[in-house]
């Protein structure tokens, strides 16, 4: 299994235009997976498989053909968070593009997470180049955590996802 990451970008900005803090994360990167594009698309468009690549996701439930809900538990700096999230697949163009909208709220505290994720797959001679971008907004206590803390957590989650995806396609086998 060969996997590479190139051109990762991560930007954070904070705004105080409201009484509660707002943090904006823009994450983009590229991963190369040693598997055919059709197999990668099939795996990434399968919600249970995709969720299995994200640390802390549990209780995934299918609502209908394009909507799911789940619980995401994570630790950011010294605090543990549990989110109730809803995911809607907003665009699927096999075998090249997947877009989704994510909305969630941390359980037990004020705040909100909204994100739009876009994934584009390109064939690279038996391998697949996955280009992704995520635009996320965090409000409330989450938004007040600070740019360096949120940026570090986003990079950590990105590395974990990449490693799990690589393991799933190890040896050229489809998950």
Protein backbone atom coordinates (compact mmCIF):
# COMPACT_ATOMS: atom_id res chain seq x y z
CA UNK A 1 0.00 0.00 0.00
CA UNK A 2 1.52 3.26 -1.05
CA UNK A 3 0.02 6.44 0.21
CA UNK A 4 1.27 9.99 0.00
CA UNK A 5 0.05 13.37 1.09
CA UNK A 6 0.90 16.49 -0.83
CA UNK A 7 -0.16 20.09 -0.63
CA UNK A 8 -1.97 19.93 2.69
CA UNK A 9 -3.40 23.29 3.68
CA UNK A 10 -5.05 24.30 6.91
CA UNK A 11 -6.20 27.79 7.79
CA UNK A 12 -7.95 29.04 10.90
CA UNK A 13 -9.56 32.36 11.56
CA UNK A 14 -11.52 33.65 14.49
CA UNK A 15 -14.13 36.34 14.63
CA UNK A 16 -15.89 38.06 17.49
CA UNK A 17 -18.74 39.66 15.57
CA UNK A 18 -21.18 37.93 17.95
CA UNK A 19 -21.07 37.52 21.72
CA UNK A 20 -19.93 33.90 21.28
CA UNK A 21 -16.68 33.14 19.53
CA UNK A 22 -16.55 31.75 16.01
CA UNK A 23 -13.67 29.74 14.53
CA UNK A 24 -13.40 28.91 10.85
CA UNK A 25 -11.27 25.97 9.67
CA UNK A 26 -10.37 25.41 6.03
CA UNK A 27 -8.68 22.07 5.47
CA UNK A 28 -7.48 20.81 2.11
CA UNK A 29 -5.13 18.07 1.05
CA UNK A 30 -4.36 15.22 -1.27
CA UNK A 31 -3.89 11.50 -0.64
CA UNK A 32 -2.78 8.85 -3.15
CA UNK A 33 -4.20 5.36 -2.60
CA UNK A 34 -2.93 2.23 -4.39
CA UNK A 35 -6.38 1.13 -5.58
CA UNK A 36 -8.60 1.77 -8.63
CA UNK A 37 -10.77 4.89 -8.54
CA UNK A 38 -14.05 2.90 -8.70
CA UNK A 39 -13.09 0.87 -5.61
CA UNK A 40 -12.07 3.99 -3.69
CA UNK A 41 -15.29 5.78 -4.65
CA UNK A 42 -17.38 2.79 -3.58
CA UNK A 43 -15.61 2.65 -0.21
CA UNK A 44 -15.77 6.39 0.49
CA UNK A 45 -19.45 6.59 -0.45
CA UNK A 46 -20.26 3.77 2.00
CA UNK A 47 -21.16 5.59 5.24
CA UNK A 48 -20.24 2.74 7.65
CA UNK A 49 -16.82 2.36 6.01
CA UNK A 50 -16.20 6.11 5.95
CA UNK A 51 -17.24 6.44 9.61
CA UNK A 52 -14.87 3.60 10.54
CA UNK A 53 -11.97 5.73 9.27
CA UNK A 54 -12.79 8.58 11.69
CA UNK A 55 -11.62 8.19 15.28
CA UNK A 56 -14.45 8.49 17.80
CA UNK A 57 -17.47 8.00 15.51
CA UNK A 58 -20.11 5.67 16.92
CA UNK A 59 -23.84 4.99 16.75
CA UNK A 60 -24.08 5.66 13.00
CA UNK A 61 -27.72 5.48 11.88
CA UNK A 62 -29.05 5.71 8.36
CA UNK A 63 -32.03 8.06 8.18
CA UNK A 64 -32.63 7.70 4.43
CA UNK A 65 -30.63 7.24 1.22
CA UNK A 66 -28.60 10.43 1.71
CA UNK A 67 -28.79 11.30 5.42
CA UNK A 68 -27.15 9.81 8.50
CA UNK A 69 -26.69 10.71 12.11
CA UNK A 70 -23.99 9.65 14.55
CA UNK A 71 -22.15 10.54 17.72
CA UNK A 72 -18.59 11.83 17.55
CA UNK A 73 -16.50 11.78 20.71
CA UNK A 74 -13.17 13.58 20.73
CA UNK A 75 -10.71 15.36 22.94
CA UNK A 76 -9.57 18.88 22.12
CA UNK A 77 -6.73 20.10 24.31
CA UNK A 78 -7.76 19.28 27.88
CA UNK A 79 -11.51 18.91 27.17
CA UNK A 80 -13.60 15.97 25.99
CA UNK A 81 -16.44 16.69 23.59
CA UNK A 82 -19.34 14.55 22.45
CA UNK A 83 -21.23 15.74 19.36
CA UNK A 84 -24.54 14.65 17.93
CA UNK A 85 -23.94 15.08 14.19
CA UNK A 86 -26.07 14.84 11.09
CA UNK A 87 -24.53 14.19 7.68
CA UNK A 88 -26.26 14.76 4.36
CA UNK A 89 -24.71 13.54 1.12
CA UNK A 90 -25.43 16.53 -1.12
CA UNK A 91 -23.70 15.40 -4.32
CA UNK A 92 -22.46 12.07 -5.70
CA UNK A 93 -21.01 11.77 -9.16
CA UNK A 94 -19.55 8.24 -9.53
CA UNK A 95 -16.64 7.62 -9.61
CA UNK A 96 -15.23 11.11 -9.23
CA UNK A 97 -16.97 13.35 -6.69
CA UNK A 98 -18.65 13.23 -3.28
CA UNK A 99 -19.89 16.23 -1.33
CA UNK A 100 -21.49 16.26 2.10
CA UNK A 101 -22.84 18.72 4.64
CA UNK A 102 -22.24 18.09 8.35
CA UNK A 103 -24.08 19.77 11.21
CA UNK A 104 -23.73 19.04 14.86
CA UNK A 105 -23.89 20.29 18.39
CA UNK A 106 -21.78 19.29 21.35
CA UNK A 107 -23.86 17.48 23.95
CA UNK A 108 -23.96 19.26 27.29
CA UNK A 109 -22.71 22.68 26.16
CA UNK A 110 -23.60 25.58 23.92
CA UNK A 111 -22.01 25.57 20.50
CA UNK A 112 -22.40 24.39 16.94
CA UNK A 113 -20.34 22.69 14.25
CA UNK A 114 -21.18 23.11 10.59
CA UNK A 115 -19.02 21.85 7.74
CA UNK A 116 -19.06 21.22 4.03
CA UNK A 117 -16.76 18.48 2.76
CA UNK A 118 -15.82 17.92 -0.86
CA UNK A 119 -13.89 14.94 -2.23
CA UNK A 120 -12.67 14.56 -5.81
CA UNK A 121 -11.10 11.36 -7.11
CA UNK A 122 -8.71 11.16 -10.06
CA UNK A 123 -7.37 8.03 -11.76
CA UNK A 124 -3.58 7.79 -11.70
CA UNK A 125 -2.70 4.56 -13.52
CA UNK A 126 -4.14 1.99 -11.11
CA UNK A 127 -3.90 4.36 -8.18
CA UNK A 128 -6.37 7.01 -7.06
CA UNK A 129 -5.62 10.58 -6.09
CA UNK A 130 -8.08 11.81 -3.47
CA UNK A 131 -8.29 15.61 -3.26
CA UNK A 132 -10.36 16.85 -0.34
CA UNK A 133 -11.42 20.11 1.22
CA UNK A 134 -13.41 20.81 4.36
CA UNK A 135 -14.79 24.18 5.37
CA UNK A 136 -15.89 24.07 9.00
CA UNK A 137 -17.29 26.67 11.39
CA UNK A 138 -17.31 26.18 15.16
CA UNK A 139 -19.22 28.45 17.51
CA UNK A 140 -19.67 28.78 21.24
CA UNK A 141 -17.12 27.23 23.58
CA UNK A 142 -15.59 25.32 20.65
CA UNK A 143 -15.05 28.53 18.72
CA UNK A 144 -13.27 30.09 21.68
CA UNK A 145 -10.64 27.30 21.94
CA UNK A 146 -8.11 29.19 19.84
CA UNK A 147 -6.60 28.75 16.41
CA UNK A 148 -3.50 26.71 17.37
CA UNK A 149 -5.55 24.22 19.40
CA UNK A 150 -8.18 23.68 16.69
CA UNK A 151 -5.55 23.52 13.95
CA UNK A 152 -3.60 20.84 15.87
CA UNK A 153 -6.75 18.76 16.44
CA UNK A 154 -7.74 19.00 12.77
CA UNK A 155 -4.28 17.83 11.67
CA UNK A 156 -4.39 14.95 14.17
CA UNK A 157 -7.79 13.79 12.90
CA UNK A 158 -6.57 14.10 9.30
CA UNK A 159 -3.54 11.87 10.05
CA UNK A 160 -5.72 9.25 11.77
CA UNK A 161 -8.17 9.21 8.85
CA UNK A 162 -5.31 8.84 6.35
CA UNK A 163 -3.77 5.96 8.30
CA UNK A 164 -7.08 4.10 8.58
CA UNK A 165 -7.83 4.60 4.89
CA UNK A 166 -4.35 3.31 4.01
CA UNK A 167 -4.85 0.24 6.20
CA UNK A 168 -8.22 -0.48 4.57
CA UNK A 169 -6.62 -0.60 1.11
CA UNK A 170 -3.43 -2.39 2.21
CA UNK A 171 -2.25 -4.92 -0.34
CA UNK A 172 -4.48 -3.42 -3.05
CA UNK A 173 -7.56 -5.08 -1.56
CA UNK A 174 -10.84 -3.20 -1.44
CA UNK A 175 -12.29 -2.85 2.05
